[in-house]
Amino acid sequence: MDSIIISVIKDGKSFEFEAQFSSSAYTYRFVIQVDDQEIYFEPDEERNLRAVVPAGIELKSQQLELVKLIGVELESMLNQ
């Protein structure tokens, strides 16, 4: 499994996350740990990335903000 580093800035502070790439049959996903919570980024029907949080996991507001920033950065990296 390949990985890339996603860097984001929130409130003037820099954060880095390792995104593990995983592919299967006809699709792919990135698995990213945000504060010990595993978040998946995968393409939706329109080929845009969406964040998927496993059932039963509730993210705090700071984690949600980081997930949004990670999604924007990951989408930007894929569109280069």
PDB file of N, CA and C in Angstrom:
ATOM      1  N   MET A   1       0.838  -1.167   0.000  1.00  0.00           N
ATOM      2  CA  MET A   1       0.000   0.000   0.000  1.00  0.00           C
ATOM      3  C   MET A   1       0.892   1.241   0.000  1.00  0.00           C
ATOM      4  N   ASP A   2       0.640   2.158  -0.921  1.00  0.00           N
ATOM      5  CA  ASP A   2       1.395   3.396  -1.017  1.00  0.00           C
ATOM      6  C   ASP A   2       0.810   4.439  -0.071  1.00  0.00           C
ATOM      7  N   SER A   3       1.631   5.427   0.265  1.00  0.00           N
ATOM      8  CA  SER A   3       1.129   6.500   1.118  1.00  0.00           C
ATOM      9  C   SER A   3       1.707   7.834   0.667  1.00  0.00           C
ATOM     10  N   ILE A   4       0.989   8.899   1.014  1.00  0.00           N
ATOM     11  CA  ILE A   4       1.437  10.264   0.762  1.00  0.00           C
ATOM     12  C   ILE A   4       1.199  11.058   2.046  1.00  0.00           C
ATOM     13  N   ILE A   5       1.874  12.168   2.168  1.00  0.00           N
ATOM     14  CA  ILE A   5       1.710  13.043   3.329  1.00  0.00           C
ATOM     15  C   ILE A   5       0.851  14.234   2.920  1.00  0.00           C
ATOM     16  N   ILE A   6      -0.189  14.468   3.693  1.00  0.00           N
ATOM     17  CA  ILE A   6      -1.091  15.598   3.478  1.00  0.00           C
ATOM     18  C   ILE A   6      -0.767  16.640   4.541  1.00  0.00           C
ATOM     19  N   SER A   7      -0.454  17.850   4.116  1.00  0.00           N
ATOM     20  CA  SER A   7      -0.165  18.947   5.039  1.00  0.00           C
ATOM     21  C   SER A   7      -1.286  19.977   4.968  1.00  0.00           C
ATOM     22  N   VAL A   8      -1.796  20.367   6.125  1.00  0.00           N
ATOM     23  CA  VAL A   8      -2.835  21.397   6.189  1.00  0.00           C
ATOM     24  C   VAL A   8      -2.475  22.381   7.294  1.00  0.00           C
ATOM     25  N   ILE A   9      -3.022  23.581   7.185  1.00  0.00           N
ATOM     26  CA  ILE A   9      -2.823  24.611   8.209  1.00  0.00           C
ATOM     27  C   ILE A   9      -4.182  24.997   8.752  1.00  0.00           C
ATOM     28  N   LYS A  10      -4.316  24.921  10.067  1.00  0.00           N
ATOM     29  CA  LYS A  10      -5.562  25.310  10.739  1.00  0.00           C
ATOM     30  C   LYS A  10      -5.203  26.218  11.899  1.00  0.00           C
ATOM     31  N   ASP A  11      -5.801  27.393  11.922  1.00  0.00           N
ATOM     32  CA  ASP A  11      -5.558  28.373  12.984  1.00  0.00           C
ATOM     33  C   ASP A  11      -4.071  28.675  13.149  1.00  0.00           C
ATOM     34  N   GLY A  12      -3.355  28.769  12.024  1.00  0.00           N
ATOM     35  CA  GLY A  12      -1.938  29.105  12.050  1.00  0.00           C
ATOM     36  C   GLY A  12      -1.028  27.957  12.452  1.00  0.00           C
ATOM     37  N   LYS A  13      -1.579  26.790  12.690  1.00  0.00           N
ATOM     38  CA  LYS A  13      -0.798  25.636  13.108  1.00  0.00           C
ATOM     39  C   LYS A  13      -0.776  24.612  11.976  1.00  0.00           C
ATOM     40  N   SER A  14       0.402  24.038  11.740  1.00  0.00           N
ATOM     41  CA  SER A  14       0.578  23.069  10.661  1.00  0.00           C
ATOM     42  C   SER A  14       0.332  21.645  11.167  1.00  0.00           C
ATOM     43  N   PHE A  15      -0.411  20.881  10.376  1.00  0.00           N
ATOM     44  CA  PHE A  15      -0.693  19.478  10.691  1.00  0.00           C
ATOM     45  C   PHE A  15      -0.296  18.623   9.494  1.00  0.00           C
ATOM     46  N   GLU A  16       0.237  17.446   9.758  1.00  0.00           N
ATOM     47  CA  GLU A  16       0.575  16.493   8.698  1.00  0.00           C
ATOM     48  C   GLU A  16      -0.111  15.167   8.988  1.00  0.00           C
ATOM     49  N   PHE A  17      -0.657  14.581   7.920  1.00  0.00           N
ATOM     50  CA  PHE A  17      -1.353  13.305   8.030  1.00  0.00           C
ATOM     51  C   PHE A  17      -0.849  12.378   6.941  1.00  0.00           C
ATOM     52  N   GLU A  18      -0.668  11.115   7.286  1.00  0.00           N
ATOM     53  CA  GLU A  18      -0.271  10.123   6.298  1.00  0.00           C
ATOM     54  C   GLU A  18      -1.540   9.516   5.707  1.00  0.00           C
ATOM     55  N   ALA A  19      -1.631   9.551   4.381  1.00  0.00           N
ATOM     56  CA  ALA A  19      -2.776   8.977   3.679  1.00  0.00           C
ATOM     57  C   ALA A  19      -2.325   7.687   3.007  1.00  0.00           C
ATOM     58  N   GLN A  20      -2.888   6.576   3.456  1.00  0.00           N
ATOM     59  CA  GLN A  20      -2.580   5.271   2.881  1.00  0.00           C
ATOM     60  C   GLN A  20      -3.514   5.029   1.703  1.00  0.00           C
ATOM     61  N   PHE A  21      -2.947   4.750   0.528  1.00  0.00           N
ATOM     62  CA  PHE A  21      -3.733   4.488  -0.675  1.00  0.00           C
ATOM     63  C   PHE A  21      -4.067   3.005  -0.745  1.00  0.00           C
ATOM     64  N   SER A  22      -5.329   2.719  -1.039  1.00  0.00           N
ATOM     65  CA  SER A  22      -5.776   1.342  -1.168  1.00  0.00           C
ATOM     66  C   SER A  22      -6.710   1.251  -2.370  1.00  0.00           C
ATOM     67  N   SER A  23      -6.485   0.283  -3.237  1.00  0.00           N
ATOM     68  CA  SER A  23      -7.365   0.118  -4.394  1.00  0.00           C
ATOM     69  C   SER A  23      -7.977  -1.273  -4.379  1.00  0.00           C
ATOM     70  N   SER A  24      -9.143  -1.356  -4.970  1.00  0.00           N
ATOM     71  CA  SER A  24      -9.815  -2.640  -5.124  1.00  0.00           C
ATOM     72  C   SER A  24     -10.653  -2.588  -6.394  1.00  0.00           C
ATOM     73  N   ALA A  25     -10.871  -3.682  -6.991  1.00  0.00           N
ATOM     74  CA  ALA A  25     -11.652  -3.859  -8.222  1.00  0.00           C
ATOM     75  C   ALA A  25     -11.787  -2.578  -9.055  1.00  0.00           C
ATOM     76  N   TYR A  26     -12.817  -1.782  -8.781  1.00  0.00           N
ATOM     77  CA  TYR A  26     -13.097  -0.616  -9.619  1.00  0.00           C
ATOM     78  C   TYR A  26     -12.983   0.720  -8.896  1.00  0.00           C
ATOM     79  N   THR A  27     -12.470   0.717  -7.704  1.00  0.00           N
ATOM     80  CA  THR A  27     -12.424   1.964  -6.952  1.00  0.00           C
ATOM     81  C   THR A  27     -11.160   2.036  -6.099  1.00  0.00           C
ATOM     82  N   TYR A  28     -11.023   3.119  -5.383  1.00  0.00           N
ATOM     83  CA  TYR A  28      -9.877   3.311  -4.501  1.00  0.00           C
ATOM     84  C   TYR A  28     -10.321   4.124  -3.300  1.00  0.00           C
ATOM     85  N   ARG A  29      -9.470   4.163  -2.296  1.00  0.00           N
ATOM     86  CA  ARG A  29      -9.721   4.996  -1.126  1.00  0.00           C
ATOM     87  C   ARG A  29      -8.399   5.368  -0.478  1.00  0.00           C
ATOM     88  N   PHE A  30      -8.448   6.441   0.273  1.00  0.00           N
ATOM     89  CA  PHE A  30      -7.332   6.853   1.108  1.00  0.00           C
ATOM     90  C   PHE A  30      -7.776   6.680   2.552  1.00  0.00           C
ATOM     91  N   VAL A  31      -6.921   6.102   3.367  1.00  0.00           N
ATOM     92  CA  VAL A  31      -7.206   5.906   4.787  1.00  0.00           C
ATOM     93  C   VAL A  31      -6.296   6.849   5.570  1.00  0.00           C
ATOM     94  N   ILE A  32      -6.912   7.692   6.389  1.00  0.00           N
ATOM     95  CA  ILE A  32      -6.162   8.705   7.135  1.00  0.00           C
ATOM     96  C   ILE A  32      -6.583   8.662   8.598  1.00  0.00           C
ATOM     97  N   GLN A  33      -5.605   8.724   9.490  1.00  0.00           N
ATOM     98  CA  GLN A  33      -5.855   8.777  10.927  1.00  0.00           C
ATOM     99  C   GLN A  33      -5.939  10.243  11.364  1.00  0.00           C
ATOM    100  N   VAL A  34      -7.067  10.620  11.953  1.00  0.00           N
ATOM    101  CA  VAL A  34      -7.239  11.965  12.511  1.00  0.00           C
ATOM    102  C   VAL A  34      -7.517  11.777  14.000  1.00  0.00           C
ATOM    103  N   ASP A  35      -6.539  12.113  14.823  1.00  0.00           N
ATOM    104  CA  ASP A  35      -6.669  11.936  16.282  1.00  0.00           C
ATOM    105  C   ASP A  35      -7.125  10.521  16.635  1.00  0.00           C
ATOM    106  N   ASP A  36      -6.438   9.541  16.112  1.00  0.00           N
ATOM    107  CA  ASP A  36      -6.713   8.126  16.375  1.00  0.00           C
ATOM    108  C   ASP A  36      -8.048   7.625  15.833  1.00  0.00           C
ATOM    109  N   GLN A  37      -8.680   8.407  14.962  1.00  0.00           N
ATOM    110  CA  GLN A  37      -9.913   7.972  14.301  1.00  0.00           C
ATOM    111  C   GLN A  37      -9.599   7.737  12.825  1.00  0.00           C
ATOM    112  N   GLU A  38      -9.979   6.580  12.306  1.00  0.00           N
ATOM    113  CA  GLU A  38      -9.713   6.258  10.914  1.00  0.00           C
ATOM    114  C   GLU A  38     -10.814   6.855  10.042  1.00  0.00           C
ATOM    115  N   ILE A  39     -10.408   7.688   9.081  1.00  0.00           N
ATOM    116  CA  ILE A  39     -11.323   8.337   8.147  1.00  0.00           C
ATOM    117  C   ILE A  39     -10.960   7.856   6.745  1.00  0.00           C
ATOM    118  N   TYR A  40     -11.979   7.591   5.936  1.00  0.00           N
ATOM    119  CA  TYR A  40     -11.755   7.149   4.561  1.00  0.00           C
ATOM    120  C   TYR A  40     -12.150   8.260   3.602  1.00  0.00           C
ATOM    121  N   PHE A  41     -11.350   8.447   2.583  1.00  0.00           N
ATOM    122  CA  PHE A  41     -11.697   9.358   1.497  1.00  0.00           C
ATOM    123  C   PHE A  41     -11.797   8.503   0.245  1.00  0.00           C
ATOM    124  N   GLU A  42     -12.969   8.547  -0.405  1.00  0.00           N
ATOM    125  CA  GLU A  42     -13.192   7.729  -1.587  1.00  0.00           C
ATOM    126  C   GLU A  42     -14.018   8.520  -2.597  1.00  0.00           C
ATOM    127  N   PRO A  43     -13.951   8.145  -3.875  1.00  0.00           N
ATOM    128  CA  PRO A  43     -14.714   8.893  -4.875  1.00  0.00           C
ATOM    129  C   PRO A  43     -16.213   8.598  -4.766  1.00  0.00           C
ATOM    130  N   ASP A  44     -17.008   9.644  -4.973  1.00  0.00           N
ATOM    131  CA  ASP A  44     -18.451   9.451  -5.008  1.00  0.00           C
ATOM    132  C   ASP A  44     -18.886   9.202  -6.453  1.00  0.00           C
ATOM    133  N   GLU A  45     -20.178   9.232  -6.715  1.00  0.00           N
ATOM    134  CA  GLU A  45     -20.699   8.940  -8.049  1.00  0.00           C
ATOM    135  C   GLU A  45     -20.231   9.941  -9.101  1.00  0.00           C
ATOM    136  N   GLU A  46     -19.908  11.157  -8.684  1.00  0.00           N
ATOM    137  CA  GLU A  46     -19.452  12.197  -9.603  1.00  0.00           C
ATOM    138  C   GLU A  46     -17.933  12.309  -9.645  1.00  0.00           C
ATOM    139  N   ARG A  47     -17.249  11.329  -9.033  1.00  0.00           N
ATOM    140  CA  ARG A  47     -15.782  11.243  -9.011  1.00  0.00           C
ATOM    141  C   ARG A  47     -15.136  12.321  -8.140  1.00  0.00           C
ATOM    142  N   ASN A  48     -15.918  12.937  -7.244  1.00  0.00           N
ATOM    143  CA  ASN A  48     -15.371  13.851  -6.242  1.00  0.00           C
ATOM    144  C   ASN A  48     -15.071  13.027  -4.997  1.00  0.00           C
ATOM    145  N   LEU A  49     -14.094  13.455  -4.211  1.00  0.00           N
ATOM    146  CA  LEU A  49     -13.777  12.721  -2.990  1.00  0.00           C
ATOM    147  C   LEU A  49     -14.769  13.067  -1.888  1.00  0.00           C
ATOM    148  N   ARG A  50     -15.162  12.051  -1.147  1.00  0.00           N
ATOM    149  CA  ARG A  50     -16.006  12.257   0.022  1.00  0.00           C
ATOM    150  C   ARG A  50     -15.340  11.589   1.217  1.00  0.00           C
ATOM    151  N   ALA A  51     -15.548  12.175   2.380  1.00  0.00           N
ATOM    152  CA  ALA A  51     -15.020  11.594   3.612  1.00  0.00           C
ATOM    153  C   ALA A  51     -16.065  10.636   4.167  1.00  0.00           C
ATOM    154  N   VAL A  52     -15.605   9.471   4.595  1.00  0.00           N
ATOM    155  CA  VAL A  52     -16.493   8.471   5.178  1.00  0.00           C
ATOM    156  C   VAL A  52     -15.988   8.174   6.585  1.00  0.00           C
ATOM    157  N   VAL A  53     -16.862   8.369   7.545  1.00  0.00           N
ATOM    158  CA  VAL A  53     -16.540   8.099   8.946  1.00  0.00           C
ATOM    159  C   VAL A  53     -17.243   6.794   9.319  1.00  0.00           C
ATOM    160  N   PRO A  54     -16.518   5.835   9.876  1.00  0.00           N
ATOM    161  CA  PRO A  54     -17.148   4.567  10.257  1.00  0.00           C
ATOM    162  C   PRO A  54     -18.344   4.783  11.192  1.00  0.00           C
ATOM    163  N   ALA A  55     -19.349   3.925  11.067  1.00  0.00           N
ATOM    164  CA  ALA A  55     -20.553   4.002  11.898  1.00  0.00           C
ATOM    165  C   ALA A  55     -20.176   3.968  13.382  1.00  0.00           C
ATOM    166  N   GLY A  56     -20.875   4.778  14.147  1.00  0.00           N
ATOM    167  CA  GLY A  56     -20.657   4.804  15.589  1.00  0.00           C
ATOM    168  C   GLY A  56     -19.567   5.753  16.040  1.00  0.00           C
ATOM    169  N   ILE A  57     -18.863   6.367  15.088  1.00  0.00           N
ATOM    170  CA  ILE A  57     -17.793   7.310  15.434  1.00  0.00           C
ATOM    171  C   ILE A  57     -18.336   8.735  15.301  1.00  0.00           C
ATOM    172  N   GLU A  58     -18.179   9.528  16.341  1.00  0.00           N
ATOM    173  CA  GLU A  58     -18.568  10.922  16.288  1.00  0.00           C
ATOM    174  C   GLU A  58     -17.309  11.773  16.394  1.00  0.00           C
ATOM    175  N   LEU A  59     -17.158  12.668  15.447  1.00  0.00           N
ATOM    176  CA  LEU A  59     -15.986  13.535  15.439  1.00  0.00           C
ATOM    177  C   LEU A  59     -16.286  14.845  16.154  1.00  0.00           C
ATOM    178  N   LYS A  60     -15.290  15.373  16.821  1.00  0.00           N
ATOM    179  CA  LYS A  60     -15.402  16.677  17.464  1.00  0.00           C
ATOM    180  C   LYS A  60     -15.287  17.749  16.388  1.00  0.00           C
ATOM    181  N   SER A  61     -15.676  18.970  16.720  1.00  0.00           N
ATOM    182  CA  SER A  61     -15.673  20.050  15.722  1.00  0.00           C
ATOM    183  C   SER A  61     -14.279  20.295  15.149  1.00  0.00           C
ATOM    184  N   GLN A  62     -13.240  20.222  15.975  1.00  0.00           N
ATOM    185  CA  GLN A  62     -11.880  20.424  15.464  1.00  0.00           C
ATOM    186  C   GLN A  62     -11.518  19.313  14.469  1.00  0.00           C
ATOM    187  N   GLN A  63     -11.914  18.077  14.769  1.00  0.00           N
ATOM    188  CA  GLN A  63     -11.642  16.964  13.866  1.00  0.00           C
ATOM    189  C   GLN A  63     -12.392  17.157  12.550  1.00  0.00           C
ATOM    190  N   LEU A  64     -13.635  17.617  12.613  1.00  0.00           N
ATOM    191  CA  LEU A  64     -14.409  17.862  11.392  1.00  0.00           C
ATOM    192  C   LEU A  64     -13.750  18.925  10.519  1.00  0.00           C
ATOM    193  N   GLU A  65     -13.255  19.977  11.152  1.00  0.00           N
ATOM    194  CA  GLU A  65     -12.564  21.032  10.405  1.00  0.00           C
ATOM    195  C   GLU A  65     -11.314  20.483   9.730  1.00  0.00           C
ATOM    196  N   LEU A  66     -10.567  19.642  10.434  1.00  0.00           N
ATOM    197  CA  LEU A  66      -9.371  19.033   9.847  1.00  0.00           C
ATOM    198  C   LEU A  66      -9.737  18.116   8.684  1.00  0.00           C
ATOM    199  N   VAL A  67     -10.821  17.349   8.833  1.00  0.00           N
ATOM    200  CA  VAL A  67     -11.256  16.454   7.757  1.00  0.00           C
ATOM    201  C   VAL A  67     -11.588  17.258   6.503  1.00  0.00           C
ATOM    202  N   LYS A  68     -12.268  18.387   6.669  1.00  0.00           N
ATOM    203  CA  LYS A  68     -12.591  19.248   5.522  1.00  0.00           C
ATOM    204  C   LYS A  68     -11.318  19.747   4.852  1.00  0.00           C
ATOM    205  N   LEU A  69     -10.368  20.227   5.642  1.00  0.00           N
ATOM    206  CA  LEU A  69      -9.108  20.733   5.090  1.00  0.00           C
ATOM    207  C   LEU A  69      -8.317  19.629   4.391  1.00  0.00           C
ATOM    208  N   ILE A  70      -8.309  18.440   4.980  1.00  0.00           N
ATOM    209  CA  ILE A  70      -7.616  17.302   4.374  1.00  0.00           C
ATOM    210  C   ILE A  70      -8.261  16.974   3.030  1.00  0.00           C
ATOM    211  N   GLY A  71      -9.582  16.964   2.980  1.00  0.00           N
ATOM    212  CA  GLY A  71     -10.293  16.677   1.738  1.00  0.00           C
ATOM    213  C   GLY A  71      -9.964  17.663   0.638  1.00  0.00           C
ATOM    214  N   VAL A  72      -9.922  18.936   0.979  1.00  0.00           N
ATOM    215  CA  VAL A  72      -9.579  19.976  -0.006  1.00  0.00           C
ATOM    216  C   VAL A  72      -8.161  19.778  -0.533  1.00  0.00           C
ATOM    217  N   GLU A  73      -7.237  19.526   0.375  1.00  0.00           N
ATOM    218  CA  GLU A  73      -5.832  19.344  -0.022  1.00  0.00           C
ATOM    219  C   GLU A  73      -5.651  18.066  -0.850  1.00  0.00           C
ATOM    220  N   LEU A  74      -6.283  17.001  -0.449  1.00  0.00           N
ATOM    221  CA  LEU A  74      -6.176  15.735  -1.177  1.00  0.00           C
ATOM    222  C   LEU A  74      -6.764  15.876  -2.582  1.00  0.00           C
ATOM    223  N   GLU A  75      -7.907  16.511  -2.693  1.00  0.00           N
ATOM    224  CA  GLU A  75      -8.539  16.757  -3.995  1.00  0.00           C
ATOM    225  C   GLU A  75      -7.619  17.603  -4.874  1.00  0.00           C
ATOM    226  N   SER A  76      -7.007  18.611  -4.284  1.00  0.00           N
ATOM    227  CA  SER A  76      -6.086  19.474  -5.022  1.00  0.00           C
ATOM    228  C   SER A  76      -4.881  18.683  -5.528  1.00  0.00           C
ATOM    229  N   MET A  77      -4.344  17.816  -4.692  1.00  0.00           N
ATOM    230  CA  MET A  77      -3.195  17.020  -5.093  1.00  0.00           C
ATOM    231  C   MET A  77      -3.539  16.055  -6.223  1.00  0.00           C
ATOM    232  N   LEU A  78      -4.733  15.498  -6.185  1.00  0.00           N
ATOM    233  CA  LEU A  78      -5.148  14.537  -7.219  1.00  0.00           C
ATOM    234  C   LEU A  78      -5.434  15.214  -8.552  1.00  0.00           C
ATOM    235  N   ASN A  79      -5.785  16.493  -8.512  1.00  0.00           N
ATOM    236  CA  ASN A  79      -6.122  17.217  -9.742  1.00  0.00           C
ATOM    237  C   ASN A  79      -4.927  17.912 -10.388  1.00  0.00           C
ATOM    238  N   GLN A  80      -3.748  17.717  -9.851  1.00  0.00           N
ATOM    239  CA  GLN A  80      -2.549  18.355 -10.436  1.00  0.00           C
ATOM    240  C   GLN A  80      -2.109  17.626 -11.667  1.00  0.00           C
TER     241      GLN A  80
END
